């Protein structure tokens, strides 16, 4: 049974930093692309950052480029999202996501995801 458990969310001031983690289990982690999505009230869930199954390719959405960094540790079956220079518009529920297909590029739409974590809240406010 696939399990994705996020941690690391919380309250940060504008300009501050947070590091999200997602511990994965129940599948062969090193064979799947993984990603982070986020969702704010009244908005659709959107891709934030992700990496392919090999660890050689990562991508982030334009609004967080230069501020957020995706990484993964296959030995620990864990992925991370380092978030720097946080802005109030980054406030959202952040979800860890597993690609539906093996050995692919990171999922960028909800339709390419077949497992989600429970989400961790990130609030950026002074």
N, C-alpha and C. Protein backbone atom coordinates (compact mmCIF):
# COMPACT_ATOMS: atom_id res chain seq x y z
N UNK A 1 0.85 -1.19 0.00
CA UNK A 1 0.00 0.00 0.00
C UNK A 1 0.88 1.25 0.00
N UNK A 2 0.65 2.10 -0.98
CA UNK A 2 1.44 3.33 -1.09
C UNK A 2 1.08 4.28 0.05
N UNK A 3 2.11 4.81 0.68
CA UNK A 3 1.92 5.84 1.69
C UNK A 3 2.89 6.98 1.44
N UNK A 4 2.37 8.19 1.50
CA UNK A 4 3.17 9.40 1.36
C UNK A 4 2.83 10.29 2.55
N UNK A 5 3.84 10.61 3.35
CA UNK A 5 3.60 11.37 4.57
C UNK A 5 4.45 12.63 4.56
N UNK A 6 3.78 13.77 4.45
CA UNK A 6 4.47 15.05 4.42
C UNK A 6 4.71 15.58 5.83
N UNK A 7 5.73 16.41 5.94
CA UNK A 7 6.01 17.11 7.18
C UNK A 7 6.80 18.38 6.86
N UNK A 8 6.89 19.26 7.83
CA UNK A 8 7.71 20.45 7.66
C UNK A 8 6.96 21.73 7.39
N UNK A 9 5.66 21.66 7.22
CA UNK A 9 4.90 22.88 7.00
C UNK A 9 4.79 23.70 8.27
N UNK A 10 4.23 24.88 8.13
CA UNK A 10 4.06 25.75 9.28
C UNK A 10 3.90 27.19 8.87
N UNK A 11 4.15 28.07 9.82
CA UNK A 11 4.03 29.50 9.61
C UNK A 11 5.42 30.09 9.38
N UNK A 12 5.54 30.89 8.34
CA UNK A 12 6.80 31.56 8.04
C UNK A 12 6.51 33.02 7.71
N UNK A 13 7.47 33.86 7.98
CA UNK A 13 7.35 35.26 7.62
C UNK A 13 7.75 35.47 6.16
N UNK A 14 7.24 36.48 5.53
CA UNK A 14 7.70 36.78 4.17
C UNK A 14 9.22 36.92 4.14
N UNK A 15 9.81 36.27 3.15
CA UNK A 15 11.27 36.25 3.06
C UNK A 15 11.91 35.10 3.79
N UNK A 16 11.13 34.37 4.56
CA UNK A 16 11.65 33.25 5.33
C UNK A 16 11.76 31.97 4.53
N UNK A 17 12.11 30.90 5.23
CA UNK A 17 12.32 29.61 4.58
C UNK A 17 11.62 28.49 5.35
N UNK A 18 11.26 27.47 4.61
CA UNK A 18 10.76 26.23 5.17
C UNK A 18 11.28 25.09 4.31
N UNK A 19 11.39 23.91 4.92
CA UNK A 19 11.77 22.72 4.17
C UNK A 19 10.72 21.65 4.40
N UNK A 20 10.07 21.25 3.33
CA UNK A 20 9.09 20.16 3.40
C UNK A 20 9.76 18.84 3.11
N UNK A 21 9.27 17.80 3.78
CA UNK A 21 9.74 16.44 3.53
C UNK A 21 8.54 15.55 3.25
N UNK A 22 8.78 14.50 2.50
CA UNK A 22 7.73 13.51 2.22
C UNK A 22 8.37 12.13 2.28
N UNK A 23 7.97 11.36 3.27
CA UNK A 23 8.46 9.99 3.41
C UNK A 23 7.53 9.04 2.67
N UNK A 24 8.13 8.27 1.76
CA UNK A 24 7.34 7.36 0.92
C UNK A 24 7.57 5.92 1.31
N UNK A 25 6.54 5.10 1.12
CA UNK A 25 6.66 3.68 1.38
C UNK A 25 5.61 2.92 0.58
N UNK A 26 5.82 1.62 0.45
CA UNK A 26 4.83 0.77 -0.21
C UNK A 26 5.02 0.63 -1.71
N UNK A 27 6.09 1.17 -2.24
CA UNK A 27 6.38 1.02 -3.67
C UNK A 27 7.87 1.21 -3.88
N UNK A 28 8.32 0.90 -5.09
CA UNK A 28 9.73 1.03 -5.42
C UNK A 28 10.04 2.49 -5.74
N UNK A 29 10.40 3.23 -4.70
CA UNK A 29 10.53 4.69 -4.80
C UNK A 29 11.46 5.12 -5.92
N UNK A 30 12.58 4.44 -6.08
CA UNK A 30 13.59 4.87 -7.06
C UNK A 30 13.13 4.72 -8.51
N UNK A 31 12.00 4.08 -8.74
CA UNK A 31 11.52 3.86 -10.11
C UNK A 31 10.41 4.82 -10.53
N UNK A 32 10.10 5.77 -9.66
CA UNK A 32 8.99 6.68 -9.94
C UNK A 32 9.40 8.14 -9.82
N UNK A 33 8.92 8.94 -10.78
CA UNK A 33 9.02 10.38 -10.65
C UNK A 33 8.11 10.83 -9.52
N UNK A 34 8.52 11.91 -8.86
CA UNK A 34 7.75 12.44 -7.74
C UNK A 34 7.63 13.95 -7.90
N UNK A 35 6.66 14.52 -7.21
CA UNK A 35 6.44 15.95 -7.36
C UNK A 35 5.76 16.52 -6.13
N UNK A 36 5.79 17.83 -6.04
CA UNK A 36 5.05 18.60 -5.06
C UNK A 36 3.99 19.43 -5.81
N UNK A 37 2.78 19.40 -5.28
CA UNK A 37 1.69 20.24 -5.76
C UNK A 37 1.23 21.10 -4.59
N UNK A 38 0.46 22.13 -4.87
CA UNK A 38 -0.13 22.93 -3.81
C UNK A 38 -1.53 23.37 -4.22
N UNK A 39 -2.33 23.67 -3.21
CA UNK A 39 -3.70 24.09 -3.47
C UNK A 39 -4.10 25.13 -2.43
N UNK A 40 -4.61 26.25 -2.93
CA UNK A 40 -5.15 27.30 -2.07
C UNK A 40 -6.66 27.25 -2.14
N UNK A 41 -7.35 27.80 -1.13
CA UNK A 41 -8.83 27.78 -1.15
C UNK A 41 -9.37 28.42 -2.42
N UNK A 42 -10.27 27.72 -3.07
CA UNK A 42 -10.91 28.24 -4.27
C UNK A 42 -10.10 28.09 -5.54
N UNK A 43 -8.93 27.51 -5.44
CA UNK A 43 -8.08 27.33 -6.61
C UNK A 43 -7.84 25.85 -6.89
N UNK A 44 -7.45 25.57 -8.13
CA UNK A 44 -7.13 24.20 -8.49
C UNK A 44 -5.76 23.81 -7.94
N UNK A 45 -5.58 22.52 -7.74
CA UNK A 45 -4.28 22.01 -7.31
C UNK A 45 -3.29 22.20 -8.46
N UNK A 46 -2.12 22.74 -8.13
CA UNK A 46 -1.16 23.07 -9.18
C UNK A 46 0.22 22.47 -8.88
N UNK A 47 0.92 22.17 -9.95
CA UNK A 47 2.29 21.67 -9.87
C UNK A 47 3.20 22.76 -9.33
N UNK A 48 4.11 22.36 -8.41
CA UNK A 48 5.09 23.29 -7.87
C UNK A 48 6.50 22.90 -8.31
N UNK A 49 6.86 21.65 -8.06
CA UNK A 49 8.21 21.19 -8.37
C UNK A 49 8.22 19.68 -8.44
N UNK A 50 9.17 19.14 -9.20
CA UNK A 50 9.24 17.69 -9.29
C UNK A 50 10.55 17.22 -9.88
N UNK A 51 10.76 15.92 -9.80
CA UNK A 51 11.97 15.33 -10.36
C UNK A 51 11.67 13.99 -10.99
N UNK A 52 12.45 13.63 -11.99
CA UNK A 52 12.20 12.35 -12.66
C UNK A 52 12.68 11.20 -11.79
N UNK A 53 12.48 9.99 -12.25
CA UNK A 53 12.79 8.80 -11.45
C UNK A 53 14.29 8.61 -11.26
N UNK A 54 15.10 9.10 -12.20
CA UNK A 54 16.54 8.86 -12.13
C UNK A 54 17.26 9.86 -11.24
N UNK A 55 16.59 10.96 -10.92
CA UNK A 55 17.25 11.99 -10.13
C UNK A 55 18.07 12.96 -10.94
N UNK A 56 18.07 12.81 -12.27
CA UNK A 56 18.90 13.67 -13.12
C UNK A 56 18.16 14.87 -13.65
N UNK A 57 16.86 14.90 -13.49
CA UNK A 57 16.05 16.00 -14.04
C UNK A 57 15.09 16.51 -12.98
N UNK A 58 15.09 17.82 -12.79
CA UNK A 58 14.13 18.46 -11.91
C UNK A 58 13.54 19.68 -12.60
N UNK A 59 12.40 20.09 -12.13
CA UNK A 59 11.74 21.25 -12.71
C UNK A 59 10.89 21.91 -11.64
N UNK A 60 10.71 23.21 -11.78
CA UNK A 60 9.84 23.96 -10.89
C UNK A 60 8.95 24.86 -11.74
N UNK A 61 7.83 25.23 -11.20
CA UNK A 61 6.95 26.14 -11.91
C UNK A 61 7.54 27.55 -11.88
N UNK A 62 7.17 28.37 -12.84
CA UNK A 62 7.80 29.67 -13.02
C UNK A 62 7.70 30.56 -11.78
N UNK A 63 6.58 30.50 -11.07
CA UNK A 63 6.36 31.40 -9.94
C UNK A 63 7.29 31.12 -8.76
N UNK A 64 7.93 29.97 -8.73
CA UNK A 64 8.83 29.64 -7.62
C UNK A 64 10.26 29.45 -8.08
N UNK A 65 10.51 29.64 -9.35
CA UNK A 65 11.86 29.43 -9.89
C UNK A 65 12.86 30.36 -9.22
N UNK A 66 13.99 29.79 -8.81
CA UNK A 66 15.00 30.58 -8.12
C UNK A 66 14.76 30.67 -6.62
N UNK A 67 13.61 30.21 -6.16
CA UNK A 67 13.29 30.26 -4.73
C UNK A 67 13.10 28.86 -4.13
N UNK A 68 12.49 27.97 -4.87
CA UNK A 68 12.21 26.61 -4.39
C UNK A 68 13.12 25.61 -5.09
N UNK A 69 13.51 24.57 -4.35
CA UNK A 69 14.36 23.52 -4.91
C UNK A 69 13.81 22.16 -4.54
N UNK A 70 13.67 21.33 -5.56
CA UNK A 70 13.22 19.94 -5.37
C UNK A 70 14.44 19.04 -5.23
N UNK A 71 14.35 18.06 -4.34
CA UNK A 71 15.39 17.04 -4.25
C UNK A 71 14.79 15.75 -3.73
N UNK A 72 15.53 14.66 -3.93
CA UNK A 72 15.08 13.37 -3.45
C UNK A 72 16.26 12.56 -2.96
N UNK A 73 16.00 11.70 -1.99
CA UNK A 73 17.01 10.80 -1.45
C UNK A 73 16.44 9.39 -1.57
N UNK A 74 16.89 8.66 -2.58
CA UNK A 74 16.34 7.33 -2.82
C UNK A 74 16.68 6.36 -1.69
N UNK A 75 17.82 6.55 -1.05
CA UNK A 75 18.20 5.65 0.05
C UNK A 75 17.21 5.78 1.21
N UNK A 76 16.66 6.97 1.38
CA UNK A 76 15.70 7.20 2.46
C UNK A 76 14.25 7.19 1.96
N UNK A 77 14.07 7.01 0.65
CA UNK A 77 12.72 7.07 0.06
C UNK A 77 12.00 8.33 0.51
N UNK A 78 12.68 9.42 0.37
CA UNK A 78 12.14 10.70 0.83
C UNK A 78 12.40 11.78 -0.22
N UNK A 79 11.42 12.65 -0.39
CA UNK A 79 11.65 13.82 -1.24
C UNK A 79 11.49 15.08 -0.41
N UNK A 80 12.08 16.14 -0.92
CA UNK A 80 12.15 17.39 -0.18
C UNK A 80 11.75 18.56 -1.07
N UNK A 81 11.31 19.61 -0.43
CA UNK A 81 11.08 20.87 -1.11
C UNK A 81 11.65 21.97 -0.22
N UNK A 82 12.77 22.53 -0.65
CA UNK A 82 13.37 23.65 0.07
C UNK A 82 12.74 24.93 -0.47
N UNK A 83 12.12 25.67 0.41
CA UNK A 83 11.42 26.89 0.01
C UNK A 83 12.08 28.10 0.67
N UNK A 84 12.65 28.96 -0.14
CA UNK A 84 13.30 30.17 0.34
C UNK A 84 12.56 31.40 -0.18
N UNK A 85 12.85 32.53 0.41
CA UNK A 85 12.24 33.80 -0.01
C UNK A 85 10.72 33.66 -0.14
N UNK A 86 10.12 33.11 0.86
CA UNK A 86 8.69 32.84 0.82
C UNK A 86 7.88 34.12 0.71
N UNK A 87 6.76 34.00 0.00
CA UNK A 87 5.86 35.13 -0.22
C UNK A 87 4.47 34.75 0.28
N UNK A 88 3.65 35.73 0.61
CA UNK A 88 2.28 35.42 1.05
C UNK A 88 1.51 34.57 0.04
N UNK A 89 1.78 34.77 -1.24
CA UNK A 89 1.08 33.99 -2.27
C UNK A 89 1.51 32.53 -2.33
N UNK A 90 2.54 32.17 -1.57
CA UNK A 90 2.94 30.76 -1.47
C UNK A 90 2.09 30.01 -0.44
N UNK A 91 1.26 30.74 0.29
CA UNK A 91 0.39 30.10 1.27
C UNK A 91 -0.54 29.11 0.60
N UNK A 92 -0.51 27.87 1.06
CA UNK A 92 -1.30 26.80 0.45
C UNK A 92 -1.11 25.51 1.23
N UNK A 93 -1.92 24.54 0.88
CA UNK A 93 -1.72 23.17 1.35
C UNK A 93 -0.82 22.48 0.33
N UNK A 94 0.29 21.97 0.77
CA UNK A 94 1.28 21.37 -0.12
C UNK A 94 1.18 19.85 -0.05
N UNK A 95 1.13 19.23 -1.24
CA UNK A 95 0.95 17.79 -1.34
C UNK A 95 2.14 17.13 -2.02
N UNK A 96 2.52 16.01 -1.50
CA UNK A 96 3.48 15.13 -2.14
C UNK A 96 2.71 14.24 -3.13
N UNK A 97 3.32 13.98 -4.30
CA UNK A 97 2.60 13.24 -5.34
C UNK A 97 3.51 12.23 -6.02
N UNK A 98 2.95 11.07 -6.32
CA UNK A 98 3.67 10.01 -7.01
C UNK A 98 3.13 9.87 -8.43
N UNK A 99 4.02 9.80 -9.39
CA UNK A 99 3.60 9.61 -10.77
C UNK A 99 2.90 8.26 -10.95
N UNK A 100 1.94 8.24 -11.83
CA UNK A 100 1.20 6.99 -12.08
C UNK A 100 2.06 5.99 -12.84
N UNK A 101 2.88 6.48 -13.76
CA UNK A 101 3.69 5.60 -14.60
C UNK A 101 5.11 5.51 -14.08
N UNK A 102 5.74 4.37 -14.32
CA UNK A 102 7.13 4.17 -13.91
C UNK A 102 8.09 4.89 -14.85
N UNK A 103 9.23 5.30 -14.31
CA UNK A 103 10.36 5.81 -15.08
C UNK A 103 9.96 6.88 -16.10
N UNK A 104 9.33 7.93 -15.57
CA UNK A 104 8.88 9.03 -16.41
C UNK A 104 9.42 10.35 -15.89
N UNK A 105 9.06 11.39 -16.60
CA UNK A 105 9.33 12.74 -16.13
C UNK A 105 8.34 13.06 -15.00
N UNK A 106 8.62 14.09 -14.20
CA UNK A 106 7.71 14.39 -13.09
C UNK A 106 6.31 14.74 -13.56
N UNK A 107 5.30 14.32 -12.83
CA UNK A 107 3.92 14.65 -13.19
C UNK A 107 3.69 16.14 -13.02
N UNK A 108 3.04 16.74 -13.97
CA UNK A 108 2.75 18.18 -13.91
C UNK A 108 1.25 18.47 -13.84
N UNK A 109 0.44 17.45 -14.00
CA UNK A 109 -1.00 17.62 -13.86
C UNK A 109 -1.51 16.56 -12.89
N UNK A 110 -2.66 16.81 -12.30
CA UNK A 110 -3.23 15.86 -11.33
C UNK A 110 -3.58 14.54 -12.00
N UNK A 111 -3.75 14.57 -13.32
CA UNK A 111 -4.12 13.35 -14.04
C UNK A 111 -2.96 12.38 -14.18
N UNK A 112 -1.74 12.89 -13.97
CA UNK A 112 -0.55 12.04 -14.07
C UNK A 112 -0.15 11.48 -12.71
N UNK A 113 -0.93 11.74 -11.68
CA UNK A 113 -0.65 11.32 -10.31
C UNK A 113 -1.62 10.24 -9.88
N UNK A 114 -1.11 9.19 -9.23
CA UNK A 114 -2.05 8.18 -8.73
C UNK A 114 -1.98 8.00 -7.21
N UNK A 115 -1.12 8.76 -6.54
CA UNK A 115 -1.09 8.71 -5.08
C UNK A 115 -0.72 10.08 -4.54
N UNK A 116 -1.40 10.46 -3.47
CA UNK A 116 -1.18 11.76 -2.83
C UNK A 116 -0.91 11.58 -1.35
N UNK A 117 -0.13 12.50 -0.80
CA UNK A 117 -0.03 12.57 0.64
C UNK A 117 -1.24 13.30 1.20
N UNK A 118 -1.26 13.45 2.52
CA UNK A 118 -2.40 14.09 3.17
C UNK A 118 -2.29 15.62 3.13
N UNK A 119 -1.12 16.12 2.79
CA UNK A 119 -0.92 17.56 2.69
C UNK A 119 -0.35 18.15 3.97
N UNK A 120 0.43 19.20 3.79
CA UNK A 120 0.97 19.95 4.92
C UNK A 120 0.77 21.44 4.64
N UNK A 121 0.26 22.15 5.61
CA UNK A 121 -0.10 23.55 5.44
C UNK A 121 1.13 24.45 5.55
N UNK A 122 1.26 25.33 4.58
CA UNK A 122 2.29 26.37 4.61
C UNK A 122 1.57 27.71 4.61
N UNK A 123 1.86 28.52 5.61
CA UNK A 123 1.26 29.85 5.72
C UNK A 123 2.37 30.88 5.82
N UNK A 124 2.34 31.84 4.91
CA UNK A 124 3.35 32.89 4.89
C UNK A 124 2.66 34.20 5.25
N UNK A 125 3.02 34.72 6.39
CA UNK A 125 2.35 35.92 6.89
C UNK A 125 3.22 36.60 7.93
N UNK A 126 3.11 37.92 7.98
CA UNK A 126 3.84 38.65 9.00
C UNK A 126 2.96 38.87 10.22
